[in-house]
Amino acid sequence: MRHEYDPSKVNTVVLMTDGQNLDPGGLTLDQLLSKLQTPQAKLLPVPVFTIGLGPGADLNALGKISKATGGKAYAVKDPANLRSVFLDAVVQRQCGGSC
């Protein structure tokens, strides 16, 4: 996102996931949080709005990711609620998670 950063646009990520890190070669949560909090991240903020899907979603990890970036975390246990949660995330991304 930062490679395409445009200060005249809304620069955010909406991530829908179960929040499980199953990639043995991938970043750990601590490594990811470190990357999200670099000096460049402060200069080019990209809030990440996480949507945890299903009862097994790692809401603790998703909450940390969102908090580190100025975003917001959501939990969706019932697929019928996905639409309203997604719409709220889209609205929140336009005001930096504080509307």
PDB file of N, CA and C in Angstrom:
ATOM      1  N   MET A   1       0.824  -1.186   0.000  1.00  0.00           N
ATOM      2  CA  MET A   1       0.000   0.000   0.000  1.00  0.00           C
ATOM      3  C   MET A   1       0.868   1.250   0.000  1.00  0.00           C
ATOM      4  N   ARG A   2       1.956   1.204   0.731  1.00  0.00           N
ATOM      5  CA  ARG A   2       2.786   2.407   0.822  1.00  0.00           C
ATOM      6  C   ARG A   2       3.475   2.731  -0.502  1.00  0.00           C
ATOM      7  N   HIS A   3       3.700   1.726  -1.345  1.00  0.00           N
ATOM      8  CA  HIS A   3       4.304   1.993  -2.660  1.00  0.00           C
ATOM      9  C   HIS A   3       3.343   2.785  -3.539  1.00  0.00           C
ATOM     10  N   GLU A   4       2.062   2.638  -3.311  1.00  0.00           N
ATOM     11  CA  GLU A   4       1.035   3.328  -4.091  1.00  0.00           C
ATOM     12  C   GLU A   4       0.380   4.450  -3.281  1.00  0.00           C
ATOM     13  N   TYR A   5       0.963   4.843  -2.160  1.00  0.00           N
ATOM     14  CA  TYR A   5       0.375   5.827  -1.251  1.00  0.00           C
ATOM     15  C   TYR A   5       0.086   7.134  -1.981  1.00  0.00           C
ATOM     16  N   ASP A   6      -1.096   7.661  -1.764  1.00  0.00           N
ATOM     17  CA  ASP A   6      -1.506   8.929  -2.366  1.00  0.00           C
ATOM     18  C   ASP A   6      -2.168   9.759  -1.277  1.00  0.00           C
ATOM     19  N   PRO A   7      -1.524  10.837  -0.835  1.00  0.00           N
ATOM     20  CA  PRO A   7      -2.079  11.626   0.268  1.00  0.00           C
ATOM     21  C   PRO A   7      -3.430  12.272  -0.053  1.00  0.00           C
ATOM     22  N   SER A   8      -3.795  12.325  -1.320  1.00  0.00           N
ATOM     23  CA  SER A   8      -5.090  12.903  -1.681  1.00  0.00           C
ATOM     24  C   SER A   8      -6.208  11.853  -1.681  1.00  0.00           C
ATOM     25  N   LYS A   9      -5.869  10.610  -1.372  1.00  0.00           N
ATOM     26  CA  LYS A   9      -6.833   9.501  -1.371  1.00  0.00           C
ATOM     27  C   LYS A   9      -6.945   8.891   0.022  1.00  0.00           C
ATOM     28  N   VAL A  10      -7.932   8.027   0.189  1.00  0.00           N
ATOM     29  CA  VAL A  10      -8.072   7.243   1.416  1.00  0.00           C
ATOM     30  C   VAL A  10      -7.175   6.022   1.253  1.00  0.00           C
ATOM     31  N   ASN A  11      -6.143   5.946   2.070  1.00  0.00           N
ATOM     32  CA  ASN A  11      -5.161   4.862   1.985  1.00  0.00           C
ATOM     33  C   ASN A  11      -5.409   3.901   3.135  1.00  0.00           C
ATOM     34  N   THR A  12      -6.163   2.871   2.882  1.00  0.00           N
ATOM     35  CA  THR A  12      -6.477   1.896   3.919  1.00  0.00           C
ATOM     36  C   THR A  12      -6.527   0.497   3.313  1.00  0.00           C
ATOM     37  N   VAL A  13      -6.516  -0.479   4.217  1.00  0.00           N
ATOM     38  CA  VAL A  13      -6.674  -1.881   3.830  1.00  0.00           C
ATOM     39  C   VAL A  13      -7.825  -2.447   4.649  1.00  0.00           C
ATOM     40  N   VAL A  14      -8.750  -3.136   3.990  1.00  0.00           N
ATOM     41  CA  VAL A  14      -9.791  -3.898   4.678  1.00  0.00           C
ATOM     42  C   VAL A  14      -9.454  -5.362   4.437  1.00  0.00           C
ATOM     43  N   LEU A  15      -9.142  -6.063   5.532  1.00  0.00           N
ATOM     44  CA  LEU A  15      -8.687  -7.447   5.443  1.00  0.00           C
ATOM     45  C   LEU A  15      -9.711  -8.370   6.081  1.00  0.00           C
ATOM     46  N   MET A  16     -10.268  -9.265   5.278  1.00  0.00           N
ATOM     47  CA  MET A  16     -11.192 -10.285   5.795  1.00  0.00           C
ATOM     48  C   MET A  16     -10.435 -11.595   5.872  1.00  0.00           C
ATOM     49  N   THR A  17     -10.401 -12.191   7.075  1.00  0.00           N
ATOM     50  CA  THR A  17      -9.582 -13.379   7.292  1.00  0.00           C
ATOM     51  C   THR A  17     -10.063 -14.148   8.513  1.00  0.00           C
ATOM     52  N   ASP A  18      -9.587 -15.375   8.629  1.00  0.00           N
ATOM     53  CA  ASP A  18      -9.818 -16.100   9.877  1.00  0.00           C
ATOM     54  C   ASP A  18      -8.738 -15.746  10.884  1.00  0.00           C
ATOM     55  N   GLY A  19      -7.742 -14.979  10.436  1.00  0.00           N
ATOM     56  CA  GLY A  19      -6.702 -14.499  11.332  1.00  0.00           C
ATOM     57  C   GLY A  19      -5.678 -15.531  11.725  1.00  0.00           C
ATOM     58  N   GLN A  20      -5.747 -16.705  11.156  1.00  0.00           N
ATOM     59  CA  GLN A  20      -4.812 -17.773  11.496  1.00  0.00           C
ATOM     60  C   GLN A  20      -3.579 -17.681  10.595  1.00  0.00           C
ATOM     61  N   ASN A  21      -2.406 -17.700  11.192  1.00  0.00           N
ATOM     62  CA  ASN A  21      -1.161 -17.693  10.439  1.00  0.00           C
ATOM     63  C   ASN A  21      -0.696 -19.125  10.269  1.00  0.00           C
ATOM     64  N   LEU A  22      -0.973 -19.704   9.111  1.00  0.00           N
ATOM     65  CA  LEU A  22      -0.624 -21.096   8.851  1.00  0.00           C
ATOM     66  C   LEU A  22       0.586 -21.241   7.933  1.00  0.00           C
ATOM     67  N   ASP A  23       1.221 -20.123   7.569  1.00  0.00           N
ATOM     68  CA  ASP A  23       2.373 -20.156   6.678  1.00  0.00           C
ATOM     69  C   ASP A  23       3.641 -20.312   7.518  1.00  0.00           C
ATOM     70  N   PRO A  24       4.276 -21.488   7.486  1.00  0.00           N
ATOM     71  CA  PRO A  24       5.450 -21.707   8.335  1.00  0.00           C
ATOM     72  C   PRO A  24       6.605 -20.766   7.995  1.00  0.00           C
ATOM     73  N   GLY A  25       6.651 -20.229   6.797  1.00  0.00           N
ATOM     74  CA  GLY A  25       7.725 -19.311   6.399  1.00  0.00           C
ATOM     75  C   GLY A  25       7.326 -17.855   6.506  1.00  0.00           C
ATOM     76  N   GLY A  26       6.116 -17.593   6.968  1.00  0.00           N
ATOM     77  CA  GLY A  26       5.617 -16.220   7.032  1.00  0.00           C
ATOM     78  C   GLY A  26       6.081 -15.493   8.280  1.00  0.00           C
ATOM     79  N   LEU A  27       5.702 -14.230   8.348  1.00  0.00           N
ATOM     80  CA  LEU A  27       6.031 -13.396   9.498  1.00  0.00           C
ATOM     81  C   LEU A  27       5.277 -13.862  10.737  1.00  0.00           C
ATOM     82  N   THR A  28       5.912 -13.708  11.878  1.00  0.00           N
ATOM     83  CA  THR A  28       5.196 -13.902  13.130  1.00  0.00           C
ATOM     84  C   THR A  28       4.382 -12.636  13.391  1.00  0.00           C
ATOM     85  N   LEU A  29       3.478 -12.700  14.338  1.00  0.00           N
ATOM     86  CA  LEU A  29       2.691 -11.511  14.677  1.00  0.00           C
ATOM     87  C   LEU A  29       3.608 -10.383  15.134  1.00  0.00           C
ATOM     88  N   ASP A  30       4.587 -10.677  15.964  1.00  0.00           N
ATOM     89  CA  ASP A  30       5.511  -9.637  16.432  1.00  0.00           C
ATOM     90  C   ASP A  30       6.299  -9.017  15.280  1.00  0.00           C
ATOM     91  N   GLN A  31       6.731  -9.829  14.324  1.00  0.00           N
ATOM     92  CA  GLN A  31       7.450  -9.301  13.159  1.00  0.00           C
ATOM     93  C   GLN A  31       6.549  -8.393  12.332  1.00  0.00           C
ATOM     94  N   LEU A  32       5.297  -8.808  12.135  1.00  0.00           N
ATOM     95  CA  LEU A  32       4.351  -7.994  11.378  1.00  0.00           C
ATOM     96  C   LEU A  32       4.094  -6.671  12.086  1.00  0.00           C
ATOM     97  N   LEU A  33       3.854  -6.717  13.387  1.00  0.00           N
ATOM     98  CA  LEU A  33       3.605  -5.487  14.138  1.00  0.00           C
ATOM     99  C   LEU A  33       4.796  -4.552  14.065  1.00  0.00           C
ATOM    100  N   SER A  34       5.990  -5.092  14.102  1.00  0.00           N
ATOM    101  CA  SER A  34       7.190  -4.276  13.977  1.00  0.00           C
ATOM    102  C   SER A  34       7.236  -3.579  12.619  1.00  0.00           C
ATOM    103  N   LYS A  35       6.915  -4.304  11.559  1.00  0.00           N
ATOM    104  CA  LYS A  35       6.903  -3.719  10.214  1.00  0.00           C
ATOM    105  C   LYS A  35       5.818  -2.646  10.071  1.00  0.00           C
ATOM    106  N   LEU A  36       4.711  -2.836  10.772  1.00  0.00           N
ATOM    107  CA  LEU A  36       3.608  -1.879  10.679  1.00  0.00           C
ATOM    108  C   LEU A  36       3.866  -0.606  11.474  1.00  0.00           C
ATOM    109  N   GLN A  37       4.896  -0.607  12.315  1.00  0.00           N
ATOM    110  CA  GLN A  37       5.162   0.545  13.172  1.00  0.00           C
ATOM    111  C   GLN A  37       6.521   1.178  12.894  1.00  0.00           C
ATOM    112  N   THR A  38       6.982   1.111  11.662  1.00  0.00           N
ATOM    113  CA  THR A  38       8.260   1.722  11.283  1.00  0.00           C
ATOM    114  C   THR A  38       8.092   3.232  11.137  1.00  0.00           C
ATOM    115  N   PRO A  39       9.195   3.976  11.089  1.00  0.00           N
ATOM    116  CA  PRO A  39       9.087   5.426  10.847  1.00  0.00           C
ATOM    117  C   PRO A  39       8.349   5.755   9.547  1.00  0.00           C
ATOM    118  N   GLN A  40       8.562   4.934   8.508  1.00  0.00           N
ATOM    119  CA  GLN A  40       7.848   5.151   7.244  1.00  0.00           C
ATOM    120  C   GLN A  40       6.340   4.991   7.447  1.00  0.00           C
ATOM    121  N   ALA A  41       5.945   4.047   8.292  1.00  0.00           N
ATOM    122  CA  ALA A  41       4.522   3.825   8.550  1.00  0.00           C
ATOM    123  C   ALA A  41       3.891   5.044   9.207  1.00  0.00           C
ATOM    124  N   LYS A  42       4.654   5.737  10.015  1.00  0.00           N
ATOM    125  CA  LYS A  42       4.127   6.942  10.655  1.00  0.00           C
ATOM    126  C   LYS A  42       3.998   8.091   9.651  1.00  0.00           C
ATOM    127  N   LEU A  43       4.909   8.145   8.684  1.00  0.00           N
ATOM    128  CA  LEU A  43       4.861   9.183   7.655  1.00  0.00           C
ATOM    129  C   LEU A  43       3.770   8.920   6.620  1.00  0.00           C
ATOM    130  N   LEU A  44       3.548   7.643   6.314  1.00  0.00           N
ATOM    131  CA  LEU A  44       2.555   7.238   5.322  1.00  0.00           C
ATOM    132  C   LEU A  44       1.584   6.268   5.982  1.00  0.00           C
ATOM    133  N   PRO A  45       0.666   6.780   6.804  1.00  0.00           N
ATOM    134  CA  PRO A  45      -0.222   5.886   7.551  1.00  0.00           C
ATOM    135  C   PRO A  45      -1.216   5.156   6.652  1.00  0.00           C
ATOM    136  N   VAL A  46      -1.314   3.852   6.876  1.00  0.00           N
ATOM    137  CA  VAL A  46      -2.267   3.004   6.155  1.00  0.00           C
ATOM    138  C   VAL A  46      -3.009   2.174   7.206  1.00  0.00           C
ATOM    139  N   PRO A  47      -4.149   2.667   7.699  1.00  0.00           N
ATOM    140  CA  PRO A  47      -4.904   1.890   8.676  1.00  0.00           C
ATOM    141  C   PRO A  47      -5.377   0.565   8.086  1.00  0.00           C
ATOM    142  N   VAL A  48      -5.306  -0.476   8.901  1.00  0.00           N
ATOM    143  CA  VAL A  48      -5.778  -1.795   8.488  1.00  0.00           C
ATOM    144  C   VAL A  48      -7.025  -2.121   9.300  1.00  0.00           C
ATOM    145  N   PHE A  49      -8.129  -2.312   8.613  1.00  0.00           N
ATOM    146  CA  PHE A  49      -9.395  -2.696   9.229  1.00  0.00           C
ATOM    147  C   PHE A  49      -9.547  -4.190   9.026  1.00  0.00           C
ATOM    148  N   THR A  50      -9.473  -4.935  10.118  1.00  0.00           N
ATOM    149  CA  THR A  50      -9.526  -6.388  10.033  1.00  0.00           C
ATOM    150  C   THR A  50     -10.931  -6.882  10.354  1.00  0.00           C
ATOM    151  N   ILE A  51     -11.354  -7.879   9.601  1.00  0.00           N
ATOM    152  CA  ILE A  51     -12.645  -8.525   9.832  1.00  0.00           C
ATOM    153  C   ILE A  51     -12.361 -10.000  10.039  1.00  0.00           C
ATOM    154  N   GLY A  52     -12.513 -10.448  11.286  1.00  0.00           N
ATOM    155  CA  GLY A  52     -12.286 -11.843  11.628  1.00  0.00           C
ATOM    156  C   GLY A  52     -13.516 -12.661  11.313  1.00  0.00           C
ATOM    157  N   LEU A  53     -13.372 -13.659  10.441  1.00  0.00           N
ATOM    158  CA  LEU A  53     -14.492 -14.479  10.003  1.00  0.00           C
ATOM    159  C   LEU A  53     -14.514 -15.821  10.720  1.00  0.00           C
ATOM    160  N   GLY A  54     -15.654 -16.166  11.258  1.00  0.00           N
ATOM    161  CA  GLY A  54     -15.838 -17.487  11.853  1.00  0.00           C
ATOM    162  C   GLY A  54     -15.478 -17.540  13.326  1.00  0.00           C
ATOM    163  N   PRO A  55     -15.907 -18.614  13.964  1.00  0.00           N
ATOM    164  CA  PRO A  55     -15.700 -18.747  15.406  1.00  0.00           C
ATOM    165  C   PRO A  55     -14.239 -18.978  15.793  1.00  0.00           C
ATOM    166  N   GLY A  56     -13.399 -19.401  14.867  1.00  0.00           N
ATOM    167  CA  GLY A  56     -12.000 -19.652  15.182  1.00  0.00           C
ATOM    168  C   GLY A  56     -11.070 -18.492  14.867  1.00  0.00           C
ATOM    169  N   ALA A  57     -11.622 -17.342  14.506  1.00  0.00           N
ATOM    170  CA  ALA A  57     -10.783 -16.198  14.139  1.00  0.00           C
ATOM    171  C   ALA A  57      -9.934 -15.757  15.325  1.00  0.00           C
ATOM    172  N   ASP A  58      -8.697 -15.428  15.064  1.00  0.00           N
ATOM    173  CA  ASP A  58      -7.783 -14.963  16.105  1.00  0.00           C
ATOM    174  C   ASP A  58      -8.004 -13.467  16.309  1.00  0.00           C
ATOM    175  N   LEU A  59      -9.013 -13.131  17.096  1.00  0.00           N
ATOM    176  CA  LEU A  59      -9.387 -11.731  17.292  1.00  0.00           C
ATOM    177  C   LEU A  59      -8.328 -10.955  18.054  1.00  0.00           C
ATOM    178  N   ASN A  60      -7.567 -11.630  18.887  1.00  0.00           N
ATOM    179  CA  ASN A  60      -6.487 -10.968  19.602  1.00  0.00           C
ATOM    180  C   ASN A  60      -5.442 -10.445  18.606  1.00  0.00           C
ATOM    181  N   ALA A  61      -5.013 -11.291  17.690  1.00  0.00           N
ATOM    182  CA  ALA A  61      -4.022 -10.889  16.684  1.00  0.00           C
ATOM    183  C   ALA A  61      -4.586  -9.806  15.776  1.00  0.00           C
ATOM    184  N   LEU A  62      -5.820  -9.970  15.326  1.00  0.00           N
ATOM    185  CA  LEU A  62      -6.418  -8.987  14.431  1.00  0.00           C
ATOM    186  C   LEU A  62      -6.572  -7.641  15.115  1.00  0.00           C
ATOM    187  N   GLY A  63      -6.932  -7.655  16.380  1.00  0.00           N
ATOM    188  CA  GLY A  63      -7.042  -6.413  17.142  1.00  0.00           C
ATOM    189  C   GLY A  63      -5.705  -5.702  17.258  1.00  0.00           C
ATOM    190  N   LYS A  64      -4.635  -6.449  17.465  1.00  0.00           N
ATOM    191  CA  LYS A  64      -3.298  -5.858  17.562  1.00  0.00           C
ATOM    192  C   LYS A  64      -2.871  -5.236  16.238  1.00  0.00           C
ATOM    193  N   ILE A  65      -3.181  -5.909  15.145  1.00  0.00           N
ATOM    194  CA  ILE A  65      -2.840  -5.387  13.816  1.00  0.00           C
ATOM    195  C   ILE A  65      -3.586  -4.081  13.565  1.00  0.00           C
ATOM    196  N   SER A  66      -4.882  -4.078  13.835  1.00  0.00           N
ATOM    197  CA  SER A  66      -5.671  -2.867  13.618  1.00  0.00           C
ATOM    198  C   SER A  66      -5.209  -1.728  14.518  1.00  0.00           C
ATOM    199  N   LYS A  67      -4.971  -2.026  15.779  1.00  0.00           N
ATOM    200  CA  LYS A  67      -4.540  -0.991  16.722  1.00  0.00           C
ATOM    201  C   LYS A  67      -3.198  -0.396  16.308  1.00  0.00           C
ATOM    202  N   ALA A  68      -2.286  -1.235  15.850  1.00  0.00           N
ATOM    203  CA  ALA A  68      -0.953  -0.771  15.456  1.00  0.00           C
ATOM    204  C   ALA A  68      -0.996   0.181  14.275  1.00  0.00           C
ATOM    205  N   THR A  69      -2.059   0.105  13.480  1.00  0.00           N
ATOM    206  CA  THR A  69      -2.137   0.899  12.260  1.00  0.00           C
ATOM    207  C   THR A  69      -3.174   2.020  12.329  1.00  0.00           C
ATOM    208  N   GLY A  70      -3.899   2.104  13.424  1.00  0.00           N
ATOM    209  CA  GLY A  70      -4.949   3.118  13.527  1.00  0.00           C
ATOM    210  C   GLY A  70      -6.250   2.673  12.908  1.00  0.00           C
ATOM    211  N   GLY A  71      -6.390   1.397  12.669  1.00  0.00           N
ATOM    212  CA  GLY A  71      -7.622   0.852  12.098  1.00  0.00           C
ATOM    213  C   GLY A  71      -8.563   0.367  13.182  1.00  0.00           C
ATOM    214  N   LYS A  72      -9.426  -0.550  12.818  1.00  0.00           N
ATOM    215  CA  LYS A  72     -10.421  -1.095  13.730  1.00  0.00           C
ATOM    216  C   LYS A  72     -10.597  -2.571  13.412  1.00  0.00           C
ATOM    217  N   ALA A  73     -10.844  -3.371  14.453  1.00  0.00           N
ATOM    218  CA  ALA A  73     -11.046  -4.813  14.270  1.00  0.00           C
ATOM    219  C   ALA A  73     -12.515  -5.154  14.470  1.00  0.00           C
ATOM    220  N   TYR A  74     -12.992  -6.093  13.679  1.00  0.00           N
ATOM    221  CA  TYR A  74     -14.366  -6.567  13.742  1.00  0.00           C
ATOM    222  C   TYR A  74     -14.368  -8.087  13.845  1.00  0.00           C
ATOM    223  N   ALA A  75     -15.406  -8.616  14.458  1.00  0.00           N
ATOM    224  CA  ALA A  75     -15.601 -10.063  14.523  1.00  0.00           C
ATOM    225  C   ALA A  75     -16.922 -10.400  13.851  1.00  0.00           C
ATOM    226  N   VAL A  76     -16.898 -11.384  12.962  1.00  0.00           N
ATOM    227  CA  VAL A  76     -18.113 -11.841  12.288  1.00  0.00           C
ATOM    228  C   VAL A  76     -18.215 -13.343  12.506  1.00  0.00           C
ATOM    229  N   LYS A  77     -19.084 -13.726  13.413  1.00  0.00           N
ATOM    230  CA  LYS A  77     -19.288 -15.155  13.670  1.00  0.00           C
ATOM    231  C   LYS A  77     -20.424 -15.713  12.827  1.00  0.00           C
ATOM    232  N   ASP A  78     -21.375 -14.854  12.482  1.00  0.00           N
ATOM    233  CA  ASP A  78     -22.517 -15.242  11.662  1.00  0.00           C
ATOM    234  C   ASP A  78     -22.380 -14.568  10.298  1.00  0.00           C
ATOM    235  N   PRO A  79     -22.256 -15.327   9.218  1.00  0.00           N
ATOM    236  CA  PRO A  79     -22.094 -14.740   7.886  1.00  0.00           C
ATOM    237  C   PRO A  79     -23.188 -13.735   7.526  1.00  0.00           C
ATOM    238  N   ALA A  80     -24.351 -13.844   8.138  1.00  0.00           N
ATOM    239  CA  ALA A  80     -25.430 -12.894   7.851  1.00  0.00           C
ATOM    240  C   ALA A  80     -25.062 -11.476   8.293  1.00  0.00           C
ATOM    241  N   ASN A  81     -24.086 -11.343   9.191  1.00  0.00           N
ATOM    242  CA  ASN A  81     -23.674 -10.024   9.681  1.00  0.00           C
ATOM    243  C   ASN A  81     -22.539  -9.407   8.877  1.00  0.00           C
ATOM    244  N   LEU A  82     -21.989 -10.132   7.933  1.00  0.00           N
ATOM    245  CA  LEU A  82     -20.832  -9.656   7.182  1.00  0.00           C
ATOM    246  C   LEU A  82     -21.107  -8.343   6.458  1.00  0.00           C
ATOM    247  N   ARG A  83     -22.251  -8.226   5.843  1.00  0.00           N
ATOM    248  CA  ARG A  83     -22.559  -7.024   5.065  1.00  0.00           C
ATOM    249  C   ARG A  83     -22.519  -5.771   5.939  1.00  0.00           C
ATOM    250  N   SER A  84     -23.181  -5.795   7.085  1.00  0.00           N
ATOM    251  CA  SER A  84     -23.210  -4.604   7.935  1.00  0.00           C
ATOM    252  C   SER A  84     -21.823  -4.282   8.492  1.00  0.00           C
ATOM    253  N   VAL A  85     -21.055  -5.304   8.834  1.00  0.00           N
ATOM    254  CA  VAL A  85     -19.704  -5.083   9.337  1.00  0.00           C
ATOM    255  C   VAL A  85     -18.819  -4.509   8.235  1.00  0.00           C
ATOM    256  N   PHE A  86     -18.897  -5.062   7.039  1.00  0.00           N
ATOM    257  CA  PHE A  86     -18.102  -4.556   5.923  1.00  0.00           C
ATOM    258  C   PHE A  86     -18.454  -3.108   5.617  1.00  0.00           C
ATOM    259  N   LEU A  87     -19.729  -2.774   5.605  1.00  0.00           N
ATOM    260  CA  LEU A  87     -20.143  -1.396   5.340  1.00  0.00           C
ATOM    261  C   LEU A  87     -19.623  -0.444   6.414  1.00  0.00           C
ATOM    262  N   ASP A  88     -19.648  -0.868   7.676  1.00  0.00           N
ATOM    263  CA  ASP A  88     -19.106  -0.031   8.737  1.00  0.00           C
ATOM    264  C   ASP A  88     -17.600   0.160   8.546  1.00  0.00           C
ATOM    265  N   ALA A  89     -16.893  -0.885   8.167  1.00  0.00           N
ATOM    266  CA  ALA A  89     -15.447  -0.779   7.937  1.00  0.00           C
ATOM    267  C   ALA A  89     -15.151   0.204   6.811  1.00  0.00           C
ATOM    268  N   VAL A  90     -15.953   0.193   5.763  1.00  0.00           N
ATOM    269  CA  VAL A  90     -15.757   1.115   4.651  1.00  0.00           C
ATOM    270  C   VAL A  90     -15.992   2.556   5.107  1.00  0.00           C
ATOM    271  N   VAL A  91     -17.020   2.777   5.898  1.00  0.00           N
ATOM    272  CA  VAL A  91     -17.283   4.126   6.422  1.00  0.00           C
ATOM    273  C   VAL A  91     -16.146   4.557   7.341  1.00  0.00           C
ATOM    274  N   GLN A  92     -15.706   3.667   8.240  1.00  0.00           N
ATOM    275  CA  GLN A  92     -14.647   3.993   9.186  1.00  0.00           C
ATOM    276  C   GLN A  92     -13.327   4.312   8.484  1.00  0.00           C
ATOM    277  N   ARG A  93     -13.053   3.662   7.381  1.00  0.00           N
ATOM    278  CA  ARG A  93     -11.781   3.902   6.695  1.00  0.00           C
ATOM    279  C   ARG A  93     -11.706   5.313   6.137  1.00  0.00           C
ATOM    280  N   GLN A  94     -12.852   5.931   5.877  1.00  0.00           N
ATOM    281  CA  GLN A  94     -12.857   7.285   5.343  1.00  0.00           C
ATOM    282  C   GLN A  94     -12.567   8.329   6.401  1.00  0.00           C
ATOM    283  N   CYS A  95     -12.720   7.973   7.666  1.00  0.00           N
ATOM    284  CA  CYS A  95     -12.476   8.948   8.735  1.00  0.00           C
ATOM    285  C   CYS A  95     -11.424   8.450   9.715  1.00  0.00           C
ATOM    286  N   GLY A  96     -10.632   7.481   9.306  1.00  0.00           N
ATOM    287  CA  GLY A  96      -9.554   7.000  10.147  1.00  0.00           C
ATOM    288  C   GLY A  96      -9.968   6.202  11.346  1.00  0.00           C
ATOM    289  N   GLY A  97     -11.149   5.598  11.311  1.00  0.00           N
ATOM    290  CA  GLY A  97     -11.603   4.731  12.392  1.00  0.00           C
ATOM    291  C   GLY A  97     -12.204   5.454  13.565  1.00  0.00           C
ATOM    292  N   SER A  98     -12.487   6.761  13.408  1.00  0.00           N
ATOM    293  CA  SER A  98     -13.019   7.513  14.559  1.00  0.00           C
ATOM    294  C   SER A  98     -14.371   8.165  14.293  1.00  0.00           C
ATOM    295  N   CYS A  99     -15.132   7.651  13.339  1.00  0.00           N
ATOM    296  CA  CYS A  99     -16.450   8.266  13.100  1.00  0.00           C
ATOM    297  C   CYS A  99     -17.559   7.410  13.661  1.00  0.00           C
TER     298      CYS A  99
END
